[in-house]
């Protein structure tokens, strides 16, 4: 009988440790922001003027847009917009190990959204 109690106690203690964790994380659930998560824009503003950090990469290779060629694209939330007026190789070789076809970069952009196109006036610190 004492074996059953011992096994039951071991089971209860181990299950509480597994479920509860160590308690050192101290997560805070009050840190949400309506505009961005981790510094990224989550939606296009109502006036269609974008100013903030977005994900930039090749639309075909990394954002799976269904295009037939490599083209620069930005991602705002779940929406992928093709960048108009800027070539994918304007910022270096797109097929290099750190090029837009191989990595997704976080960049500060400013510009206007028209339909499914992004017309940039500024990308990072370089004027377009």
N, C-alpha and C. Protein backbone atom coordinates (compact mmCIF):
# COMPACT_ATOMS: atom_id res chain seq x y z
N UNK A 1 0.82 -1.19 0.00
CA UNK A 1 0.00 0.00 0.00
C UNK A 1 0.87 1.26 0.00
N UNK A 2 1.97 1.19 0.77
CA UNK A 2 2.85 2.36 0.83
C UNK A 2 3.54 2.61 -0.52
N UNK A 3 3.75 1.55 -1.30
CA UNK A 3 4.33 1.69 -2.63
C UNK A 3 3.39 2.47 -3.54
N UNK A 4 2.12 2.21 -3.45
CA UNK A 4 1.14 2.91 -4.28
C UNK A 4 1.13 4.39 -3.93
N UNK A 5 1.16 4.71 -2.64
CA UNK A 5 1.20 6.11 -2.21
C UNK A 5 2.49 6.79 -2.67
N UNK A 6 3.60 6.08 -2.58
CA UNK A 6 4.88 6.62 -3.01
C UNK A 6 4.88 6.89 -4.52
N UNK A 7 4.38 5.96 -5.30
CA UNK A 7 4.30 6.14 -6.75
C UNK A 7 3.34 7.28 -7.11
N UNK A 8 2.22 7.35 -6.40
CA UNK A 8 1.25 8.41 -6.65
C UNK A 8 1.84 9.78 -6.35
N UNK A 9 2.58 9.87 -5.24
CA UNK A 9 3.21 11.15 -4.89
C UNK A 9 4.28 11.54 -5.89
N UNK A 10 5.08 10.60 -6.32
CA UNK A 10 6.12 10.88 -7.34
C UNK A 10 5.48 11.34 -8.64
N UNK A 11 4.41 10.69 -9.03
CA UNK A 11 3.71 11.07 -10.25
C UNK A 11 3.14 12.49 -10.14
N UNK A 12 2.50 12.81 -9.02
CA UNK A 12 1.91 14.14 -8.84
C UNK A 12 2.97 15.23 -8.81
N UNK A 13 4.05 14.99 -8.12
CA UNK A 13 5.12 16.00 -8.04
C UNK A 13 5.77 16.20 -9.41
N UNK A 14 6.07 15.13 -10.11
CA UNK A 14 6.70 15.27 -11.42
C UNK A 14 5.76 15.91 -12.44
N UNK A 15 4.47 15.61 -12.37
CA UNK A 15 3.54 16.23 -13.33
C UNK A 15 3.39 17.72 -13.06
N UNK A 16 3.44 18.14 -11.78
CA UNK A 16 3.35 19.56 -11.47
C UNK A 16 4.60 20.31 -11.94
N UNK A 17 5.74 19.70 -11.83
CA UNK A 17 6.98 20.34 -12.29
C UNK A 17 6.95 20.48 -13.82
N UNK A 18 6.49 19.47 -14.50
CA UNK A 18 6.44 19.51 -15.97
C UNK A 18 5.45 20.56 -16.45
N UNK A 19 4.29 20.62 -15.87
CA UNK A 19 3.25 21.55 -16.30
C UNK A 19 3.57 22.98 -15.88
N UNK A 20 4.07 23.17 -14.68
CA UNK A 20 4.27 24.52 -14.15
C UNK A 20 5.54 25.17 -14.68
N UNK A 21 6.54 24.44 -15.03
CA UNK A 21 7.80 25.04 -15.44
C UNK A 21 8.59 25.50 -14.23
N UNK A 22 9.64 26.26 -14.48
CA UNK A 22 10.50 26.69 -13.36
C UNK A 22 10.01 27.97 -12.72
N UNK A 23 9.20 28.77 -13.41
CA UNK A 23 8.72 30.02 -12.86
C UNK A 23 9.66 31.18 -13.09
N UNK A 24 10.78 30.96 -13.75
CA UNK A 24 11.75 32.02 -13.97
C UNK A 24 11.46 32.89 -15.18
N UNK A 25 10.50 32.52 -15.99
CA UNK A 25 10.23 33.27 -17.22
C UNK A 25 9.58 34.62 -16.94
N UNK A 26 8.64 34.66 -16.06
CA UNK A 26 7.91 35.87 -15.70
C UNK A 26 7.38 36.59 -16.94
N UNK A 27 6.60 35.91 -17.70
CA UNK A 27 6.03 36.52 -18.91
C UNK A 27 5.04 37.60 -18.55
N UNK A 28 4.98 38.61 -19.38
CA UNK A 28 4.07 39.73 -19.19
C UNK A 28 3.15 39.79 -20.40
N UNK A 29 1.88 39.60 -20.21
CA UNK A 29 0.94 39.56 -21.33
C UNK A 29 0.35 40.93 -21.65
N UNK A 30 0.87 41.98 -21.04
CA UNK A 30 0.33 43.32 -21.29
C UNK A 30 1.20 44.13 -22.22
N UNK A 31 2.05 43.52 -23.01
CA UNK A 31 2.97 44.25 -23.87
C UNK A 31 2.56 44.22 -25.35
N UNK A 32 1.29 44.17 -25.64
CA UNK A 32 0.85 44.17 -27.02
C UNK A 32 0.78 45.59 -27.56
N UNK A 33 1.00 45.72 -28.85
CA UNK A 33 0.96 47.00 -29.52
C UNK A 33 0.05 46.88 -30.72
N UNK A 34 -0.83 47.82 -30.98
CA UNK A 34 -1.75 47.67 -32.10
C UNK A 34 -1.07 47.78 -33.45
N UNK A 35 0.03 48.53 -33.57
CA UNK A 35 0.68 48.74 -34.86
C UNK A 35 1.67 47.65 -35.22
N UNK A 36 2.46 47.23 -34.28
CA UNK A 36 3.55 46.34 -34.65
C UNK A 36 3.79 45.26 -33.61
N UNK A 37 4.39 44.18 -34.09
CA UNK A 37 4.85 43.11 -33.23
C UNK A 37 6.32 42.92 -33.56
N UNK A 38 7.17 42.97 -32.54
CA UNK A 38 8.60 42.87 -32.71
C UNK A 38 9.13 43.93 -33.68
N UNK A 39 8.52 45.09 -33.71
CA UNK A 39 9.00 46.18 -34.54
C UNK A 39 8.59 46.11 -35.98
N UNK A 40 7.72 45.19 -36.35
CA UNK A 40 7.27 45.05 -37.73
C UNK A 40 5.86 45.58 -37.89
N UNK A 41 5.59 46.20 -39.03
CA UNK A 41 4.23 46.64 -39.32
C UNK A 41 3.35 45.41 -39.53
N UNK A 42 2.15 45.44 -38.98
CA UNK A 42 1.25 44.31 -39.09
C UNK A 42 0.11 44.55 -40.07
N UNK A 43 -0.14 45.81 -40.44
CA UNK A 43 -1.17 46.08 -41.43
C UNK A 43 -0.89 47.41 -42.12
N UNK A 44 -1.43 47.56 -43.32
CA UNK A 44 -1.28 48.79 -44.08
C UNK A 44 -2.23 49.83 -43.47
N UNK A 45 -1.74 51.03 -43.16
CA UNK A 45 -2.60 52.06 -42.58
C UNK A 45 -3.73 52.45 -43.53
N UNK A 46 -4.76 53.07 -42.99
CA UNK A 46 -5.93 53.45 -43.79
C UNK A 46 -5.58 54.46 -44.88
N UNK A 47 -4.57 55.31 -44.66
CA UNK A 47 -4.20 56.30 -45.67
C UNK A 47 -3.21 55.74 -46.70
N UNK A 48 -2.87 54.47 -46.62
CA UNK A 48 -1.98 53.75 -47.55
C UNK A 48 -0.55 54.27 -47.54
N UNK A 49 -0.17 55.06 -46.55
CA UNK A 49 1.21 55.53 -46.42
C UNK A 49 1.92 54.66 -45.39
N UNK A 50 2.94 53.97 -45.86
CA UNK A 50 3.67 53.03 -45.02
C UNK A 50 4.94 53.70 -44.51
N UNK A 51 5.14 53.64 -43.21
CA UNK A 51 6.36 54.12 -42.56
C UNK A 51 6.68 53.18 -41.42
N UNK A 52 7.71 52.38 -41.57
CA UNK A 52 8.08 51.46 -40.49
C UNK A 52 8.88 50.29 -41.00
N UNK A 53 9.14 49.36 -40.12
CA UNK A 53 9.91 48.17 -40.44
C UNK A 53 9.03 47.10 -41.07
N UNK A 54 9.51 46.53 -42.16
CA UNK A 54 8.81 45.45 -42.85
C UNK A 54 9.82 44.36 -43.20
N UNK A 55 9.33 43.23 -43.64
CA UNK A 55 10.19 42.17 -44.14
C UNK A 55 10.36 42.37 -45.64
N UNK A 56 11.61 42.31 -46.12
CA UNK A 56 11.92 42.52 -47.53
C UNK A 56 12.66 41.30 -48.04
N UNK A 57 12.24 40.79 -49.19
CA UNK A 57 12.91 39.64 -49.78
C UNK A 57 12.42 39.44 -51.21
N UNK A 58 12.81 38.33 -51.80
CA UNK A 58 12.33 37.97 -53.13
C UNK A 58 10.92 37.41 -53.00
N UNK A 59 10.01 37.95 -53.78
CA UNK A 59 8.63 37.50 -53.71
C UNK A 59 8.46 36.05 -54.12
N UNK A 60 9.14 35.65 -55.19
CA UNK A 60 8.98 34.29 -55.69
C UNK A 60 9.70 33.28 -54.79
N UNK A 61 10.93 33.57 -54.39
CA UNK A 61 11.74 32.59 -53.66
C UNK A 61 11.33 32.43 -52.20
N UNK A 62 11.02 33.52 -51.52
CA UNK A 62 10.79 33.44 -50.08
C UNK A 62 9.37 33.72 -49.64
N UNK A 63 8.64 34.55 -50.38
CA UNK A 63 7.26 34.86 -49.99
C UNK A 63 6.25 34.06 -50.80
N UNK A 64 6.72 33.24 -51.75
CA UNK A 64 5.90 32.32 -52.54
C UNK A 64 4.71 33.01 -53.20
N UNK A 65 4.99 34.10 -53.95
CA UNK A 65 3.92 34.87 -54.58
C UNK A 65 3.40 34.24 -55.86
N UNK A 66 4.10 33.30 -56.42
CA UNK A 66 3.65 32.67 -57.66
C UNK A 66 4.14 33.39 -58.90
N UNK A 67 5.03 34.38 -58.74
CA UNK A 67 5.62 35.05 -59.89
C UNK A 67 6.54 34.09 -60.62
N UNK A 68 6.85 34.45 -61.88
CA UNK A 68 7.74 33.60 -62.68
C UNK A 68 9.17 34.11 -62.69
N UNK A 69 9.44 35.22 -62.00
CA UNK A 69 10.79 35.73 -61.93
C UNK A 69 11.04 36.32 -60.55
N UNK A 70 12.32 36.48 -60.25
CA UNK A 70 12.70 37.06 -58.96
C UNK A 70 12.39 38.55 -58.98
N UNK A 71 11.67 39.02 -57.99
CA UNK A 71 11.34 40.43 -57.87
C UNK A 71 11.28 40.80 -56.40
N UNK A 72 11.68 42.03 -56.09
CA UNK A 72 11.68 42.50 -54.73
C UNK A 72 10.26 42.66 -54.22
N UNK A 73 10.02 42.21 -52.99
CA UNK A 73 8.68 42.30 -52.39
C UNK A 73 8.82 42.60 -50.91
N UNK A 74 7.78 43.20 -50.34
CA UNK A 74 7.74 43.44 -48.90
C UNK A 74 6.54 42.70 -48.32
N UNK A 75 6.64 42.39 -47.04
CA UNK A 75 5.55 41.69 -46.37
C UNK A 75 5.10 42.52 -45.18
N UNK A 76 3.82 42.88 -45.19
CA UNK A 76 3.21 43.61 -44.08
C UNK A 76 2.10 42.74 -43.54
N UNK A 77 2.29 42.20 -42.36
CA UNK A 77 1.34 41.24 -41.82
C UNK A 77 1.36 39.99 -42.68
N UNK A 78 0.21 39.61 -43.22
CA UNK A 78 0.15 38.46 -44.12
C UNK A 78 0.10 38.90 -45.58
N UNK A 79 0.14 40.19 -45.82
CA UNK A 79 0.02 40.73 -47.17
C UNK A 79 1.41 40.93 -47.79
N UNK A 80 1.60 40.42 -49.01
CA UNK A 80 2.86 40.56 -49.73
C UNK A 80 2.64 41.53 -50.88
N UNK A 81 3.48 42.57 -50.95
CA UNK A 81 3.35 43.60 -51.97
C UNK A 81 4.62 43.65 -52.81
N UNK A 82 4.46 43.68 -54.12
CA UNK A 82 5.60 43.80 -55.02
C UNK A 82 6.10 45.24 -54.97
N UNK A 83 7.42 45.42 -54.93
CA UNK A 83 8.03 46.75 -54.88
C UNK A 83 8.20 47.24 -56.31
N UNK A 84 7.62 48.38 -56.61
CA UNK A 84 7.66 48.96 -57.94
C UNK A 84 8.79 49.98 -58.04
N UNK A 85 9.57 49.93 -59.11
CA UNK A 85 10.61 50.93 -59.35
C UNK A 85 11.96 50.59 -58.76
N UNK A 86 12.09 49.49 -58.05
CA UNK A 86 13.37 49.07 -57.49
C UNK A 86 13.62 47.63 -57.90
N UNK A 87 14.76 47.40 -58.54
CA UNK A 87 15.12 46.04 -58.95
C UNK A 87 15.68 45.25 -57.78
N UNK A 88 15.58 43.96 -57.87
CA UNK A 88 16.05 43.10 -56.78
C UNK A 88 17.57 43.12 -56.69
N UNK A 89 18.26 43.41 -57.79
CA UNK A 89 19.72 43.45 -57.78
C UNK A 89 20.26 44.86 -57.51
N UNK A 90 19.41 45.83 -57.28
CA UNK A 90 19.86 47.19 -56.98
C UNK A 90 20.58 47.29 -55.64
N UNK A 91 20.38 46.34 -54.75
CA UNK A 91 20.99 46.33 -53.42
C UNK A 91 22.03 45.22 -53.31
N UNK A 92 22.62 44.81 -54.42
CA UNK A 92 23.61 43.73 -54.42
C UNK A 92 23.06 42.52 -55.17
N UNK A 93 23.91 41.51 -55.31
CA UNK A 93 23.53 40.29 -56.03
C UNK A 93 22.45 39.55 -55.26
N UNK A 94 21.31 39.36 -55.89
CA UNK A 94 20.18 38.73 -55.20
C UNK A 94 20.41 37.25 -54.92
N UNK A 95 21.30 36.60 -55.69
CA UNK A 95 21.54 35.17 -55.49
C UNK A 95 22.80 34.89 -54.68
N UNK A 96 23.39 35.92 -54.08
CA UNK A 96 24.52 35.72 -53.18
C UNK A 96 24.00 35.08 -51.88
N UNK A 97 24.91 34.66 -51.03
CA UNK A 97 24.49 34.00 -49.79
C UNK A 97 23.70 34.93 -48.88
N UNK A 98 23.93 36.24 -49.00
CA UNK A 98 23.16 37.20 -48.20
C UNK A 98 22.21 38.03 -49.06
N UNK A 99 21.94 37.57 -50.27
CA UNK A 99 21.04 38.28 -51.19
C UNK A 99 19.58 38.00 -50.89
N UNK A 100 18.71 38.77 -51.54
CA UNK A 100 17.27 38.70 -51.25
C UNK A 100 16.63 37.37 -51.63
N UNK A 101 17.22 36.60 -52.52
CA UNK A 101 16.64 35.30 -52.85
C UNK A 101 16.97 34.23 -51.81
N UNK A 102 17.91 34.53 -50.94
CA UNK A 102 18.32 33.55 -49.93
C UNK A 102 17.97 33.93 -48.50
N UNK A 103 17.72 35.20 -48.25
CA UNK A 103 17.41 35.64 -46.89
C UNK A 103 16.23 36.62 -46.91
N UNK A 104 15.59 36.74 -45.77
CA UNK A 104 14.53 37.73 -45.57
C UNK A 104 15.10 38.77 -44.61
N UNK A 105 15.07 40.04 -45.04
CA UNK A 105 15.68 41.10 -44.24
C UNK A 105 14.61 42.02 -43.67
N UNK A 106 14.90 42.56 -42.49
CA UNK A 106 14.03 43.55 -41.87
C UNK A 106 14.58 44.92 -42.24
N UNK A 107 13.76 45.76 -42.90
CA UNK A 107 14.21 47.08 -43.36
C UNK A 107 13.19 48.13 -42.99
N UNK A 108 13.67 49.35 -42.78
CA UNK A 108 12.79 50.49 -42.58
C UNK A 108 12.44 51.04 -43.96
N UNK A 109 11.15 51.20 -44.22
CA UNK A 109 10.70 51.72 -45.52
C UNK A 109 9.69 52.83 -45.31
N UNK A 110 9.60 53.67 -46.32
CA UNK A 110 8.55 54.69 -46.41
C UNK A 110 8.05 54.66 -47.84
N UNK A 111 6.75 54.82 -48.01
CA UNK A 111 6.19 54.82 -49.35
C UNK A 111 4.68 54.71 -49.32
N UNK A 112 4.13 54.48 -50.51
CA UNK A 112 2.68 54.44 -50.68
C UNK A 112 2.28 53.09 -51.27
N UNK A 113 1.16 52.57 -50.82
CA UNK A 113 0.61 51.32 -51.34
C UNK A 113 -0.48 51.66 -52.35
N UNK A 114 -0.38 51.12 -53.54
CA UNK A 114 -1.39 51.25 -54.59
C UNK A 114 -1.74 49.86 -55.09
N UNK A 115 -2.97 49.44 -54.86
CA UNK A 115 -3.44 48.09 -55.19
C UNK A 115 -2.52 47.08 -54.52
N UNK A 116 -1.82 46.24 -55.26
CA UNK A 116 -0.89 45.27 -54.67
C UNK A 116 0.55 45.65 -54.94
N UNK A 117 0.82 46.94 -55.10
CA UNK A 117 2.16 47.44 -55.35
C UNK A 117 2.59 48.37 -54.22
N UNK A 118 3.88 48.37 -53.94
CA UNK A 118 4.45 49.30 -52.98
C UNK A 118 5.37 50.24 -53.74
N UNK A 119 5.10 51.53 -53.66
CA UNK A 119 5.90 52.56 -54.34
C UNK A 119 6.77 53.23 -53.28
N UNK A 120 8.05 52.85 -53.17
CA UNK A 120 8.89 53.36 -52.09
C UNK A 120 9.44 54.76 -52.38
N UNK A 121 9.57 55.54 -51.32
CA UNK A 121 10.32 56.79 -51.39
C UNK A 121 11.61 56.63 -50.60
N UNK A 122 11.64 55.68 -49.68
CA UNK A 122 12.83 55.44 -48.87
C UNK A 122 12.85 53.98 -48.43
N UNK A 123 13.99 53.34 -48.58
CA UNK A 123 14.18 51.98 -48.07
C UNK A 123 15.45 51.99 -47.24
N UNK A 124 15.35 51.68 -45.96
CA UNK A 124 16.42 51.76 -44.99
C UNK A 124 16.88 53.19 -44.94
N UNK A 125 18.15 53.49 -45.22
CA UNK A 125 18.61 54.87 -45.18
C UNK A 125 18.87 55.40 -46.58
N UNK A 126 18.75 54.56 -47.57
CA UNK A 126 19.05 54.97 -48.94
C UNK A 126 17.82 55.55 -49.61
N UNK A 127 17.97 56.69 -50.22
CA UNK A 127 16.88 57.33 -50.94
C UNK A 127 16.70 56.63 -52.28
N UNK A 128 15.47 56.35 -52.66
CA UNK A 128 15.19 55.68 -53.92
C UNK A 128 14.98 56.73 -55.01
